[in-house]
Amino acid sequence: MKCIAMIPARLQATRFPEKLMQDLGGKTVILRTYEATVETHLFDAVYVVTDSQVIFDEIVHHGGKAIMSIHQHESGSDRIAEAVENMNVDVVVNVQGDEPFTKKEPLEKLLQVFKEDADKKVDVASLMFPLTDLEAVQNPNNVKVVVNKNNEAMYFSRSPIPFPREKELASYFKHIGIYAFRKQALLDFSNTPMTKLEATEKLENLRFLEHGKTMKMVETSHAAIGIDTPEDLEKAREILKNM
């Protein structure tokens, strides 16, 4: 089974423009993310896929692999789909470009889903992390997921789901936006129009569910450390100092 990692990287992020090129302990955020992914030694290849010549040059200058997007894309998944269309791969893992502390264990768990799926019933695998803090549950920036007994995603929402009518029974999981796709599922996604639920919640993963794709959720104890704001960058710098 040939597995590759793709890191979609857009320079002009809405909340924190050029965040991927910010300095983090002497290296840019995107370079640290790329190197952390390579250092897991899980993949046949790792690529940064970008619409920015600045990001492309940053990766290539440091000996990495980068691909320039041909078209404009609304989502990272669409960007990756264009890049892998003519590649001979089985599983593609989407690693977020703003997560410089990417770890091996959760990615390994995602790949294991496909190794154990002999009947190829799973189209997509992704990660979830238990949420226990009420403020975190209510924060719309924390996407929540509910799953069935097989840990297959039933729905994603920015709202607290499930609604805690019986508070002592309620449990919550935060969706961590790292995906592993079968190649065909990724191409199908890119060739399918945005759905109403996806447009409403601004969550691309809902497109998979609305079109009947099976998404396996894997619980992890590693909370993702993403950089969405200048404050997140300062926190990341402190984490790096203490590593």
C-alpha atoms as a PDB file:
ATOM      1  CA  MET A   1       0.000   0.000   0.000  1.00  0.00           C
ATOM      2  CA  LYS A   2       1.599   3.237  -1.149  1.00  0.00           C
ATOM      3  CA  CYS A   3       0.979   6.110   1.253  1.00  0.00           C
ATOM      4  CA  ILE A   4       1.936   9.741   0.814  1.00  0.00           C
ATOM      5  CA  ALA A   5       1.420  12.892   2.879  1.00  0.00           C
ATOM      6  CA  MET A   6       0.234  16.137   1.325  1.00  0.00           C
ATOM      7  CA  ILE A   7       0.433  19.475   3.162  1.00  0.00           C
ATOM      8  CA  PRO A   8      -1.863  22.065   1.554  1.00  0.00           C
ATOM      9  CA  ALA A   9      -0.422  25.531   2.133  1.00  0.00           C
ATOM     10  CA  ARG A  10      -2.097  28.839   1.323  1.00  0.00           C
ATOM     11  CA  LEU A  11      -0.145  32.028   2.028  1.00  0.00           C
ATOM     12  CA  GLN A  12      -3.018  34.416   2.674  1.00  0.00           C
ATOM     13  CA  ALA A  13      -4.958  32.888   5.576  1.00  0.00           C
ATOM     14  CA  THR A  14      -8.005  34.928   6.581  1.00  0.00           C
ATOM     15  CA  ARG A  15      -7.355  35.231  10.316  1.00  0.00           C
ATOM     16  CA  PHE A  16      -3.560  35.385  10.223  1.00  0.00           C
ATOM     17  CA  PRO A  17      -2.143  36.284   6.782  1.00  0.00           C
ATOM     18  CA  GLU A  18       1.241  34.722   5.955  1.00  0.00           C
ATOM     19  CA  LYS A  19       1.191  32.679   9.163  1.00  0.00           C
ATOM     20  CA  LEU A  20       2.951  29.767   7.476  1.00  0.00           C
ATOM     21  CA  MET A  21       5.987  31.959   6.782  1.00  0.00           C
ATOM     22  CA  GLN A  22       6.268  33.237  10.343  1.00  0.00           C
ATOM     23  CA  ASP A  23       9.434  32.476  12.283  1.00  0.00           C
ATOM     24  CA  LEU A  24       9.206  29.669  14.802  1.00  0.00           C
ATOM     25  CA  GLY A  25      12.540  29.093  16.520  1.00  0.00           C
ATOM     26  CA  GLY A  26      14.645  29.915  13.485  1.00  0.00           C
ATOM     27  CA  LYS A  27      12.500  28.096  10.913  1.00  0.00           C
ATOM     28  CA  THR A  28       9.207  28.975   9.263  1.00  0.00           C
ATOM     29  CA  VAL A  29       5.993  27.331  10.433  1.00  0.00           C
ATOM     30  CA  ILE A  30       5.500  25.526   7.103  1.00  0.00           C
ATOM     31  CA  LEU A  31       9.071  24.198   7.064  1.00  0.00           C
ATOM     32  CA  ARG A  32       8.726  22.848  10.603  1.00  0.00           C
ATOM     33  CA  THR A  33       5.460  21.155   9.643  1.00  0.00           C
ATOM     34  CA  TYR A  34       7.046  19.608   6.566  1.00  0.00           C
ATOM     35  CA  GLU A  35      10.092  18.365   8.489  1.00  0.00           C
ATOM     36  CA  ALA A  36       7.964  16.964  11.324  1.00  0.00           C
ATOM     37  CA  THR A  37       5.896  15.001   8.797  1.00  0.00           C
ATOM     38  CA  VAL A  38       8.971  13.633   7.027  1.00  0.00           C
ATOM     39  CA  GLU A  39      10.509  12.637  10.355  1.00  0.00           C
ATOM     40  CA  THR A  40       7.608  10.305  11.136  1.00  0.00           C
ATOM     41  CA  HIS A  41       9.051   7.947   8.470  1.00  0.00           C
ATOM     42  CA  LEU A  42       5.521   6.759   7.689  1.00  0.00           C
ATOM     43  CA  PHE A  43       5.242   7.902   4.086  1.00  0.00           C
ATOM     44  CA  ASP A  44       6.664   7.010   0.711  1.00  0.00           C
ATOM     45  CA  ALA A  45       6.784  10.747  -0.007  1.00  0.00           C
ATOM     46  CA  VAL A  46       5.787  14.069   1.585  1.00  0.00           C
ATOM     47  CA  TYR A  47       4.808  17.136  -0.461  1.00  0.00           C
ATOM     48  CA  VAL A  48       3.743  20.697   0.239  1.00  0.00           C
ATOM     49  CA  VAL A  49       1.019  21.729  -2.216  1.00  0.00           C
ATOM     50  CA  THR A  50       0.669  25.483  -2.565  1.00  0.00           C
ATOM     51  CA  ASP A  51      -0.524  28.407  -4.646  1.00  0.00           C
ATOM     52  CA  SER A  52       2.334  30.558  -3.350  1.00  0.00           C
ATOM     53  CA  GLN A  53       5.727  30.892  -4.997  1.00  0.00           C
ATOM     54  CA  VAL A  54       7.077  32.077  -1.634  1.00  0.00           C
ATOM     55  CA  ILE A  55       6.052  28.853   0.122  1.00  0.00           C
ATOM     56  CA  PHE A  56       7.145  26.713  -2.831  1.00  0.00           C
ATOM     57  CA  ASP A  57      10.607  28.301  -2.785  1.00  0.00           C
ATOM     58  CA  GLU A  58      10.874  27.937   0.996  1.00  0.00           C
ATOM     59  CA  ILE A  59      10.367  24.172   0.857  1.00  0.00           C
ATOM     60  CA  VAL A  60      12.472  23.504  -2.237  1.00  0.00           C
ATOM     61  CA  HIS A  61      15.316  25.720  -0.968  1.00  0.00           C
ATOM     62  CA  HIS A  62      15.555  23.473   2.100  1.00  0.00           C
ATOM     63  CA  GLY A  63      15.639  20.278   0.056  1.00  0.00           C
ATOM     64  CA  GLY A  64      11.941  19.456   0.347  1.00  0.00           C
ATOM     65  CA  LYS A  65       9.298  18.497  -2.213  1.00  0.00           C
ATOM     66  CA  ALA A  66       6.679  21.020  -3.287  1.00  0.00           C
ATOM     67  CA  ILE A  67       3.978  21.214  -5.949  1.00  0.00           C
ATOM     68  CA  MET A  68       2.442  24.392  -7.357  1.00  0.00           C
ATOM     69  CA  SER A  69      -1.318  24.289  -7.780  1.00  0.00           C
ATOM     70  CA  ILE A  70      -2.599  24.900 -11.289  1.00  0.00           C
ATOM     71  CA  HIS A  71      -6.059  26.167 -10.332  1.00  0.00           C
ATOM     72  CA  GLN A  72      -7.560  28.167  -7.479  1.00  0.00           C
ATOM     73  CA  HIS A  73      -9.161  26.003  -4.786  1.00  0.00           C
ATOM     74  CA  GLU A  74     -11.743  26.518  -2.063  1.00  0.00           C
ATOM     75  CA  SER A  75     -10.377  23.811   0.232  1.00  0.00           C
ATOM     76  CA  GLY A  76      -7.180  21.978   1.054  1.00  0.00           C
ATOM     77  CA  SER A  77      -8.761  18.703  -0.053  1.00  0.00           C
ATOM     78  CA  ASP A  78      -9.478  20.129  -3.517  1.00  0.00           C
ATOM     79  CA  ARG A  79      -5.892  21.364  -3.732  1.00  0.00           C
ATOM     80  CA  ILE A  80      -4.548  17.906  -2.852  1.00  0.00           C
ATOM     81  CA  ALA A  81      -6.927  16.147  -5.250  1.00  0.00           C
ATOM     82  CA  GLU A  82      -5.527  18.122  -8.173  1.00  0.00           C
ATOM     83  CA  ALA A  83      -1.975  17.213  -7.142  1.00  0.00           C
ATOM     84  CA  VAL A  84      -2.535  13.458  -6.778  1.00  0.00           C
ATOM     85  CA  GLU A  85      -4.811  12.872  -9.773  1.00  0.00           C
ATOM     86  CA  ASN A  86      -2.050  11.343 -11.886  1.00  0.00           C
ATOM     87  CA  MET A  87      -0.014   9.817  -9.065  1.00  0.00           C
ATOM     88  CA  ASN A  88       0.168   6.080  -8.407  1.00  0.00           C
ATOM     89  CA  VAL A  89      -0.858   6.096  -4.727  1.00  0.00           C
ATOM     90  CA  ASP A  90      -3.358   4.247  -2.549  1.00  0.00           C
ATOM     91  CA  VAL A  91      -3.762   6.442   0.529  1.00  0.00           C
ATOM     92  CA  VAL A  92      -3.227  10.191   0.825  1.00  0.00           C
ATOM     93  CA  VAL A  93      -2.887  11.880   4.221  1.00  0.00           C
ATOM     94  CA  ASN A  94      -3.750  15.574   4.475  1.00  0.00           C
ATOM     95  CA  VAL A  95      -1.531  17.178   7.124  1.00  0.00           C
ATOM     96  CA  GLN A  96      -2.419  20.733   8.118  1.00  0.00           C
ATOM     97  CA  GLY A  97       0.316  23.220   7.242  1.00  0.00           C
ATOM     98  CA  ASP A  98      -0.094  25.195  10.449  1.00  0.00           C
ATOM     99  CA  GLU A  99       0.619  22.267  12.802  1.00  0.00           C
ATOM    100  CA  PRO A 100       4.413  22.287  13.258  1.00  0.00           C
ATOM    101  CA  PHE A 101       4.295  19.791  16.137  1.00  0.00           C
ATOM    102  CA  THR A 102       2.774  17.002  14.047  1.00  0.00           C
ATOM    103  CA  LYS A 103       3.389  13.650  15.773  1.00  0.00           C
ATOM    104  CA  LYS A 104       3.924  10.131  14.452  1.00  0.00           C
ATOM    105  CA  GLU A 105       1.437   8.229  16.638  1.00  0.00           C
ATOM    106  CA  PRO A 106      -1.862   9.764  15.431  1.00  0.00           C
ATOM    107  CA  LEU A 107      -0.786   9.553  11.779  1.00  0.00           C
ATOM    108  CA  GLU A 108       0.208   5.934  12.272  1.00  0.00           C
ATOM    109  CA  LYS A 109      -3.250   5.211  13.702  1.00  0.00           C
ATOM    110  CA  LEU A 110      -4.872   6.673  10.598  1.00  0.00           C
ATOM    111  CA  LEU A 111      -2.816   4.521   8.272  1.00  0.00           C
ATOM    112  CA  GLN A 112      -3.611   1.450  10.366  1.00  0.00           C
ATOM    113  CA  VAL A 113      -7.309   1.930   9.577  1.00  0.00           C
ATOM    114  CA  PHE A 114      -6.622   1.201   5.915  1.00  0.00           C
ATOM    115  CA  LYS A 115      -4.221  -1.641   6.621  1.00  0.00           C
ATOM    116  CA  GLU A 116      -6.984  -3.390   8.595  1.00  0.00           C
ATOM    117  CA  ASP A 117      -9.758  -2.557   6.095  1.00  0.00           C
ATOM    118  CA  ALA A 118      -9.397  -5.589   3.811  1.00  0.00           C
ATOM    119  CA  ASP A 119     -12.839  -5.042   2.254  1.00  0.00           C
ATOM    120  CA  LYS A 120     -12.069  -1.384   1.498  1.00  0.00           C
ATOM    121  CA  LYS A 121     -15.232  -0.140   3.193  1.00  0.00           C
ATOM    122  CA  VAL A 122     -13.595   2.960   4.678  1.00  0.00           C
ATOM    123  CA  ASP A 123     -13.271   5.941   2.349  1.00  0.00           C
ATOM    124  CA  VAL A 124     -11.762   8.441   4.768  1.00  0.00           C
ATOM    125  CA  ALA A 125     -10.212   8.311   8.233  1.00  0.00           C
ATOM    126  CA  SER A 126      -9.749  11.233  10.589  1.00  0.00           C
ATOM    127  CA  LEU A 127      -8.912  12.050  14.209  1.00  0.00           C
ATOM    128  CA  MET A 128     -10.896  13.104  17.245  1.00  0.00           C
ATOM    129  CA  PHE A 129      -9.901  14.244  20.718  1.00  0.00           C
ATOM    130  CA  PRO A 130     -12.054  14.151  23.903  1.00  0.00           C
ATOM    131  CA  LEU A 131     -13.369  17.541  25.050  1.00  0.00           C
ATOM    132  CA  THR A 132     -14.147  17.983  28.733  1.00  0.00           C
ATOM    133  CA  ASP A 133     -14.052  21.748  29.197  1.00  0.00           C
ATOM    134  CA  LEU A 134     -17.481  23.377  28.719  1.00  0.00           C
ATOM    135  CA  GLU A 135     -16.023  26.533  27.200  1.00  0.00           C
ATOM    136  CA  ALA A 136     -14.138  24.450  24.651  1.00  0.00           C
ATOM    137  CA  VAL A 137     -17.313  22.514  23.814  1.00  0.00           C
ATOM    138  CA  GLN A 138     -19.243  25.735  23.193  1.00  0.00           C
ATOM    139  CA  ASN A 139     -16.479  27.361  21.116  1.00  0.00           C
ATOM    140  CA  PRO A 140     -17.560  27.269  17.433  1.00  0.00           C
ATOM    141  CA  ASN A 141     -13.915  27.126  16.365  1.00  0.00           C
ATOM    142  CA  ASN A 142     -13.771  23.641  17.910  1.00  0.00           C
ATOM    143  CA  VAL A 143     -15.566  21.374  15.450  1.00  0.00           C
ATOM    144  CA  LYS A 144     -17.433  18.574  17.226  1.00  0.00           C
ATOM    145  CA  VAL A 145     -18.121  15.118  15.836  1.00  0.00           C
ATOM    146  CA  VAL A 146     -20.598  12.408  16.844  1.00  0.00           C
ATOM    147  CA  VAL A 147     -19.934   8.803  15.873  1.00  0.00           C
ATOM    148  CA  ASN A 148     -21.809   5.505  15.730  1.00  0.00           C
ATOM    149  CA  LYS A 149     -20.807   2.323  17.551  1.00  0.00           C
ATOM    150  CA  ASN A 150     -18.225   1.576  14.874  1.00  0.00           C
ATOM    151  CA  ASN A 151     -16.619   4.993  15.371  1.00  0.00           C
ATOM    152  CA  GLU A 152     -17.886   6.130  11.982  1.00  0.00           C
ATOM    153  CA  ALA A 153     -18.745   9.825  11.763  1.00  0.00           C
ATOM    154  CA  MET A 154     -22.457  10.618  11.838  1.00  0.00           C
ATOM    155  CA  TYR A 155     -22.220  14.416  11.845  1.00  0.00           C
ATOM    156  CA  PHE A 156     -19.826  17.320  12.364  1.00  0.00           C
ATOM    157  CA  SER A 157     -20.870  20.688  13.761  1.00  0.00           C
ATOM    158  CA  ARG A 158     -19.581  23.900  15.214  1.00  0.00           C
ATOM    159  CA  SER A 159     -22.460  23.668  17.687  1.00  0.00           C
ATOM    160  CA  PRO A 160     -22.242  21.499  20.818  1.00  0.00           C
ATOM    161  CA  ILE A 161     -23.412  18.056  19.704  1.00  0.00           C
ATOM    162  CA  PRO A 162     -25.028  16.058  21.153  1.00  0.00           C
ATOM    163  CA  PHE A 163     -27.327  18.481  22.969  1.00  0.00           C
ATOM    164  CA  PRO A 164     -26.842  17.728  26.721  1.00  0.00           C
ATOM    165  CA  ARG A 165     -30.417  17.092  27.784  1.00  0.00           C
ATOM    166  CA  GLU A 166     -28.997  14.532  30.226  1.00  0.00           C
ATOM    167  CA  LYS A 167     -25.779  16.308  31.162  1.00  0.00           C
ATOM    168  CA  GLU A 168     -24.239  13.348  32.982  1.00  0.00           C
ATOM    169  CA  LEU A 169     -24.497  11.237  29.805  1.00  0.00           C
ATOM    170  CA  ALA A 170     -23.029  13.787  27.400  1.00  0.00           C
ATOM    171  CA  SER A 171     -19.558  13.274  25.959  1.00  0.00           C
ATOM    172  CA  TYR A 172     -17.886  15.371  23.295  1.00  0.00           C
ATOM    173  CA  PHE A 173     -15.135  14.913  20.768  1.00  0.00           C
ATOM    174  CA  LYS A 174     -13.248  17.613  18.908  1.00  0.00           C
ATOM    175  CA  HIS A 175     -12.487  16.869  15.284  1.00  0.00           C
ATOM    176  CA  ILE A 176      -8.810  17.252  14.446  1.00  0.00           C
ATOM    177  CA  GLY A 177      -8.541  18.206  10.789  1.00  0.00           C
ATOM    178  CA  ILE A 178      -6.039  15.608   9.634  1.00  0.00           C
ATOM    179  CA  TYR A 179      -7.519  13.264   7.024  1.00  0.00           C
ATOM    180  CA  ALA A 180      -6.406  10.066   5.361  1.00  0.00           C
ATOM    181  CA  PHE A 181      -8.184   9.351   2.058  1.00  0.00           C
ATOM    182  CA  ARG A 182      -8.356   6.524  -0.362  1.00  0.00           C
ATOM    183  CA  LYS A 183      -7.280   8.219  -3.557  1.00  0.00           C
ATOM    184  CA  GLN A 184     -10.600   7.634  -5.311  1.00  0.00           C
ATOM    185  CA  ALA A 185     -12.579   9.078  -2.387  1.00  0.00           C
ATOM    186  CA  LEU A 186     -10.480  12.230  -2.610  1.00  0.00           C
ATOM    187  CA  LEU A 187     -11.019  12.540  -6.357  1.00  0.00           C
ATOM    188  CA  ASP A 188     -14.762  11.946  -5.879  1.00  0.00           C
ATOM    189  CA  PHE A 189     -14.833  14.739  -3.291  1.00  0.00           C
ATOM    190  CA  SER A 190     -13.153  17.183  -5.631  1.00  0.00           C
ATOM    191  CA  ASN A 191     -15.549  16.333  -8.466  1.00  0.00           C
ATOM    192  CA  THR A 192     -18.638  16.828  -6.302  1.00  0.00           C
ATOM    193  CA  PRO A 193     -20.236  20.264  -5.798  1.00  0.00           C
ATOM    194  CA  MET A 194     -20.310  21.839  -2.357  1.00  0.00           C
ATOM    195  CA  THR A 195     -23.330  20.606  -0.400  1.00  0.00           C
ATOM    196  CA  LYS A 196     -25.865  22.655   1.555  1.00  0.00           C
ATOM    197  CA  LEU A 197     -24.716  21.440   4.972  1.00  0.00           C
ATOM    198  CA  GLU A 198     -21.099  22.068   4.056  1.00  0.00           C
ATOM    199  CA  ALA A 199     -21.939  25.626   2.992  1.00  0.00           C
ATOM    200  CA  THR A 200     -23.994  26.209   6.135  1.00  0.00           C
ATOM    201  CA  GLU A 201     -21.408  25.063   8.657  1.00  0.00           C
ATOM    202  CA  LYS A 202     -18.348  25.876   6.505  1.00  0.00           C
ATOM    203  CA  LEU A 203     -17.078  22.320   7.082  1.00  0.00           C
ATOM    204  CA  GLU A 204     -15.834  20.412   4.043  1.00  0.00           C
ATOM    205  CA  ASN A 205     -16.036  17.050   5.841  1.00  0.00           C
ATOM    206  CA  LEU A 206     -19.829  17.251   5.655  1.00  0.00           C
ATOM    207  CA  ARG A 207     -19.584  16.839   1.880  1.00  0.00           C
ATOM    208  CA  PHE A 208     -18.283  13.312   2.408  1.00  0.00           C
ATOM    209  CA  LEU A 209     -21.151  12.407   4.739  1.00  0.00           C
ATOM    210  CA  GLU A 210     -23.848  13.940   2.534  1.00  0.00           C
ATOM    211  CA  HIS A 211     -22.657  11.797  -0.354  1.00  0.00           C
ATOM    212  CA  GLY A 212     -22.615   8.592   1.667  1.00  0.00           C
ATOM    213  CA  LYS A 213     -18.869   8.194   2.175  1.00  0.00           C
ATOM    214  CA  THR A 214     -17.742   6.229   5.232  1.00  0.00           C
ATOM    215  CA  MET A 215     -15.470   8.240   7.509  1.00  0.00           C
ATOM    216  CA  LYS A 216     -13.761   6.314  10.293  1.00  0.00           C
ATOM    217  CA  MET A 217     -12.862   8.384  13.342  1.00  0.00           C
ATOM    218  CA  VAL A 218      -9.819   7.476  15.405  1.00  0.00           C
ATOM    219  CA  GLU A 219      -9.516   8.702  18.978  1.00  0.00           C
ATOM    220  CA  THR A 220      -6.194  10.201  19.941  1.00  0.00           C
ATOM    221  CA  SER A 221      -4.760  11.674  23.128  1.00  0.00           C
ATOM    222  CA  HIS A 222      -2.662  14.140  21.134  1.00  0.00           C
ATOM    223  CA  ALA A 223      -4.465  17.465  20.926  1.00  0.00           C
ATOM    224  CA  ALA A 224      -3.415  19.266  17.751  1.00  0.00           C
ATOM    225  CA  ILE A 225      -1.433  22.462  18.245  1.00  0.00           C
ATOM    226  CA  GLY A 226      -2.393  24.639  15.321  1.00  0.00           C
ATOM    227  CA  ILE A 227      -1.440  28.239  14.590  1.00  0.00           C
ATOM    228  CA  ASP A 228      -4.479  30.305  13.642  1.00  0.00           C
ATOM    229  CA  THR A 229      -3.653  33.605  15.368  1.00  0.00           C
ATOM    230  CA  PRO A 230      -0.587  35.629  16.458  1.00  0.00           C
ATOM    231  CA  GLU A 231      -1.360  34.471  20.004  1.00  0.00           C
ATOM    232  CA  ASP A 232      -1.134  30.837  18.889  1.00  0.00           C
ATOM    233  CA  LEU A 233       2.270  31.594  17.382  1.00  0.00           C
ATOM    234  CA  GLU A 234       3.535  32.978  20.683  1.00  0.00           C
ATOM    235  CA  LYS A 235       2.278  29.856  22.477  1.00  0.00           C
ATOM    236  CA  ALA A 236       4.062  27.674  19.919  1.00  0.00           C
ATOM    237  CA  ARG A 237       7.287  29.575  20.502  1.00  0.00           C
ATOM    238  CA  GLU A 238       7.011  28.906  24.239  1.00  0.00           C
ATOM    239  CA  ILE A 239       6.310  25.209  23.596  1.00  0.00           C
ATOM    240  CA  LEU A 240       9.374  25.001  21.360  1.00  0.00           C
ATOM    241  CA  LYS A 241      11.564  26.600  24.020  1.00  0.00           C
ATOM    242  CA  ASN A 242      10.507  23.935  26.524  1.00  0.00           C
ATOM    243  CA  MET A 243      10.988  20.958  24.217  1.00  0.00           C
END
